[in-house]
Amino acid sequence: MTAMYDYVKPALIFFLVIIAAGIAGGFLAADRGRRVVGWCLLCALFPPLLLLLYFARPLREVEGMFRKCLKCGGLIKWRSTVCKFCKSEVTE
């Protein structure tokens, strides 16, 4: 019986993890209005940065994800009807 080690090389798994972290970082960066290519590279080299990017606030409005409150200028989720910062009604 052959072991899985014979079929899957450890180097291949290492590169798959790097590629997956880079792709995930790119998607998270795009959702938060940040530079996609830079965050792809950073997350590929340093995968723990995915946590930082996941919890980071957006920098600007992103269509379908975040928009600005008209009263206070805070960034809120796209479908929110009440601003979480100033508690005012947000219209479409």
C-alpha atoms as a PDB file:
ATOM      1  CA  MET A   1       0.000   0.000   0.000  1.00  0.00           C
ATOM      2  CA  THR A   2       1.354   3.422  -0.931  1.00  0.00           C
ATOM      3  CA  ALA A   3       1.211   6.440   1.287  1.00  0.00           C
ATOM      4  CA  MET A   4      -0.329   9.745   0.299  1.00  0.00           C
ATOM      5  CA  TYR A   5       3.132  11.252   0.656  1.00  0.00           C
ATOM      6  CA  ASP A   6       4.083   9.471  -2.556  1.00  0.00           C
ATOM      7  CA  TYR A   7       1.286  11.160  -4.502  1.00  0.00           C
ATOM      8  CA  VAL A   8       1.281  14.702  -3.117  1.00  0.00           C
ATOM      9  CA  LYS A   9       4.574  16.465  -2.766  1.00  0.00           C
ATOM     10  CA  PRO A  10       4.935  18.793   0.243  1.00  0.00           C
ATOM     11  CA  ALA A  11       6.202  21.574  -2.010  1.00  0.00           C
ATOM     12  CA  LEU A  12       2.977  21.407  -4.026  1.00  0.00           C
ATOM     13  CA  ILE A  13       0.881  21.791  -0.875  1.00  0.00           C
ATOM     14  CA  PHE A  14       3.045  24.747   0.193  1.00  0.00           C
ATOM     15  CA  PHE A  15       2.473  26.537  -3.130  1.00  0.00           C
ATOM     16  CA  LEU A  16      -1.258  25.786  -3.050  1.00  0.00           C
ATOM     17  CA  VAL A  17      -1.501  27.403   0.387  1.00  0.00           C
ATOM     18  CA  ILE A  18       0.378  30.462  -0.886  1.00  0.00           C
ATOM     19  CA  ILE A  19      -1.878  30.759  -3.931  1.00  0.00           C
ATOM     20  CA  ALA A  20      -5.062  30.297  -1.866  1.00  0.00           C
ATOM     21  CA  ALA A  21      -3.960  32.955   0.653  1.00  0.00           C
ATOM     22  CA  GLY A  22      -3.154  35.381  -2.171  1.00  0.00           C
ATOM     23  CA  ILE A  23      -6.518  34.862  -3.854  1.00  0.00           C
ATOM     24  CA  ALA A  24      -8.411  35.229  -0.576  1.00  0.00           C
ATOM     25  CA  GLY A  25      -6.483  38.423   0.180  1.00  0.00           C
ATOM     26  CA  GLY A  26      -7.369  39.818  -3.227  1.00  0.00           C
ATOM     27  CA  PHE A  27     -11.079  39.199  -2.735  1.00  0.00           C
ATOM     28  CA  LEU A  28     -11.052  40.713   0.749  1.00  0.00           C
ATOM     29  CA  ALA A  29      -9.136  43.765  -0.491  1.00  0.00           C
ATOM     30  CA  ALA A  30     -11.589  44.320  -3.349  1.00  0.00           C
ATOM     31  CA  ASP A  31     -14.537  44.129  -0.949  1.00  0.00           C
ATOM     32  CA  ARG A  32     -12.997  46.795   1.267  1.00  0.00           C
ATOM     33  CA  GLY A  33     -11.864  49.212  -1.447  1.00  0.00           C
ATOM     34  CA  ARG A  34      -8.159  48.525  -1.084  1.00  0.00           C
ATOM     35  CA  ARG A  35      -5.438  47.762  -3.643  1.00  0.00           C
ATOM     36  CA  VAL A  36      -6.001  44.233  -4.879  1.00  0.00           C
ATOM     37  CA  VAL A  37      -2.565  43.342  -6.290  1.00  0.00           C
ATOM     38  CA  GLY A  38      -0.626  44.628  -3.292  1.00  0.00           C
ATOM     39  CA  TRP A  39      -2.797  42.763  -0.806  1.00  0.00           C
ATOM     40  CA  CYS A  40      -2.634  39.598  -2.945  1.00  0.00           C
ATOM     41  CA  LEU A  41       1.140  39.633  -2.706  1.00  0.00           C
ATOM     42  CA  LEU A  42       1.214  40.526   0.986  1.00  0.00           C
ATOM     43  CA  CYS A  43      -1.290  37.821   1.930  1.00  0.00           C
ATOM     44  CA  ALA A  44       0.561  35.250  -0.170  1.00  0.00           C
ATOM     45  CA  LEU A  45       3.820  36.024   1.623  1.00  0.00           C
ATOM     46  CA  PHE A  46       2.301  36.560   5.089  1.00  0.00           C
ATOM     47  CA  PRO A  47      -1.010  34.640   5.410  1.00  0.00           C
ATOM     48  CA  PRO A  48      -1.765  35.980   8.930  1.00  0.00           C
ATOM     49  CA  LEU A  49      -2.424  39.342   7.266  1.00  0.00           C
ATOM     50  CA  LEU A  50      -5.715  37.838   6.088  1.00  0.00           C
ATOM     51  CA  LEU A  51      -7.045  38.372   9.616  1.00  0.00           C
ATOM     52  CA  LEU A  52      -5.995  42.006   9.570  1.00  0.00           C
ATOM     53  CA  LEU A  53      -7.675  42.525   6.214  1.00  0.00           C
ATOM     54  CA  TYR A  54     -10.799  40.651   7.277  1.00  0.00           C
ATOM     55  CA  PHE A  55     -11.383  42.932  10.273  1.00  0.00           C
ATOM     56  CA  ALA A  56     -10.233  46.151   8.556  1.00  0.00           C
ATOM     57  CA  ARG A  57     -12.701  48.926   7.863  1.00  0.00           C
ATOM     58  CA  PRO A  58     -13.235  49.936   4.245  1.00  0.00           C
ATOM     59  CA  LEU A  59     -11.383  52.966   2.892  1.00  0.00           C
ATOM     60  CA  ARG A  60     -14.057  54.163   0.464  1.00  0.00           C
ATOM     61  CA  GLU A  61     -17.471  53.325  -0.900  1.00  0.00           C
ATOM     62  CA  VAL A  62     -17.682  49.952  -2.629  1.00  0.00           C
ATOM     63  CA  GLU A  63     -20.684  49.271  -4.857  1.00  0.00           C
ATOM     64  CA  GLY A  64     -22.875  46.623  -3.254  1.00  0.00           C
ATOM     65  CA  MET A  65     -20.773  46.407  -0.072  1.00  0.00           C
ATOM     66  CA  PHE A  66     -20.359  49.775   1.709  1.00  0.00           C
ATOM     67  CA  ARG A  67     -21.728  53.303   1.294  1.00  0.00           C
ATOM     68  CA  LYS A  68     -21.410  56.650   3.076  1.00  0.00           C
ATOM     69  CA  CYS A  69     -23.942  58.050   5.476  1.00  0.00           C
ATOM     70  CA  LEU A  70     -25.208  61.387   4.177  1.00  0.00           C
ATOM     71  CA  LYS A  71     -25.202  63.016   7.631  1.00  0.00           C
ATOM     72  CA  CYS A  72     -21.974  61.893   9.325  1.00  0.00           C
ATOM     73  CA  GLY A  73     -19.975  60.475   6.392  1.00  0.00           C
ATOM     74  CA  GLY A  74     -19.319  57.145   8.109  1.00  0.00           C
ATOM     75  CA  LEU A  75     -19.116  54.018   5.992  1.00  0.00           C
ATOM     76  CA  ILE A  76     -21.984  51.610   6.604  1.00  0.00           C
ATOM     77  CA  LYS A  77     -23.070  48.358   5.032  1.00  0.00           C
ATOM     78  CA  TRP A  78     -24.900  48.723   1.746  1.00  0.00           C
ATOM     79  CA  ARG A  79     -28.277  47.389   2.930  1.00  0.00           C
ATOM     80  CA  SER A  80     -28.371  49.178   6.280  1.00  0.00           C
ATOM     81  CA  THR A  81     -31.317  51.484   6.841  1.00  0.00           C
ATOM     82  CA  VAL A  82     -29.915  53.144   9.986  1.00  0.00           C
ATOM     83  CA  CYS A  83     -26.391  54.544  10.341  1.00  0.00           C
ATOM     84  CA  LYS A  84     -24.531  52.786  13.152  1.00  0.00           C
ATOM     85  CA  PHE A  85     -22.542  55.941  13.973  1.00  0.00           C
ATOM     86  CA  CYS A  86     -25.142  58.732  14.107  1.00  0.00           C
ATOM     87  CA  LYS A  87     -28.321  56.566  14.256  1.00  0.00           C
ATOM     88  CA  SER A  88     -29.973  58.536  11.430  1.00  0.00           C
ATOM     89  CA  GLU A  89     -32.224  57.030   8.747  1.00  0.00           C
ATOM     90  CA  VAL A  90     -30.352  56.270   5.527  1.00  0.00           C
ATOM     91  CA  THR A  91     -32.344  56.416   2.302  1.00  0.00           C
ATOM     92  CA  GLU A  92     -31.463  54.673  -0.926  1.00  0.00           C
END
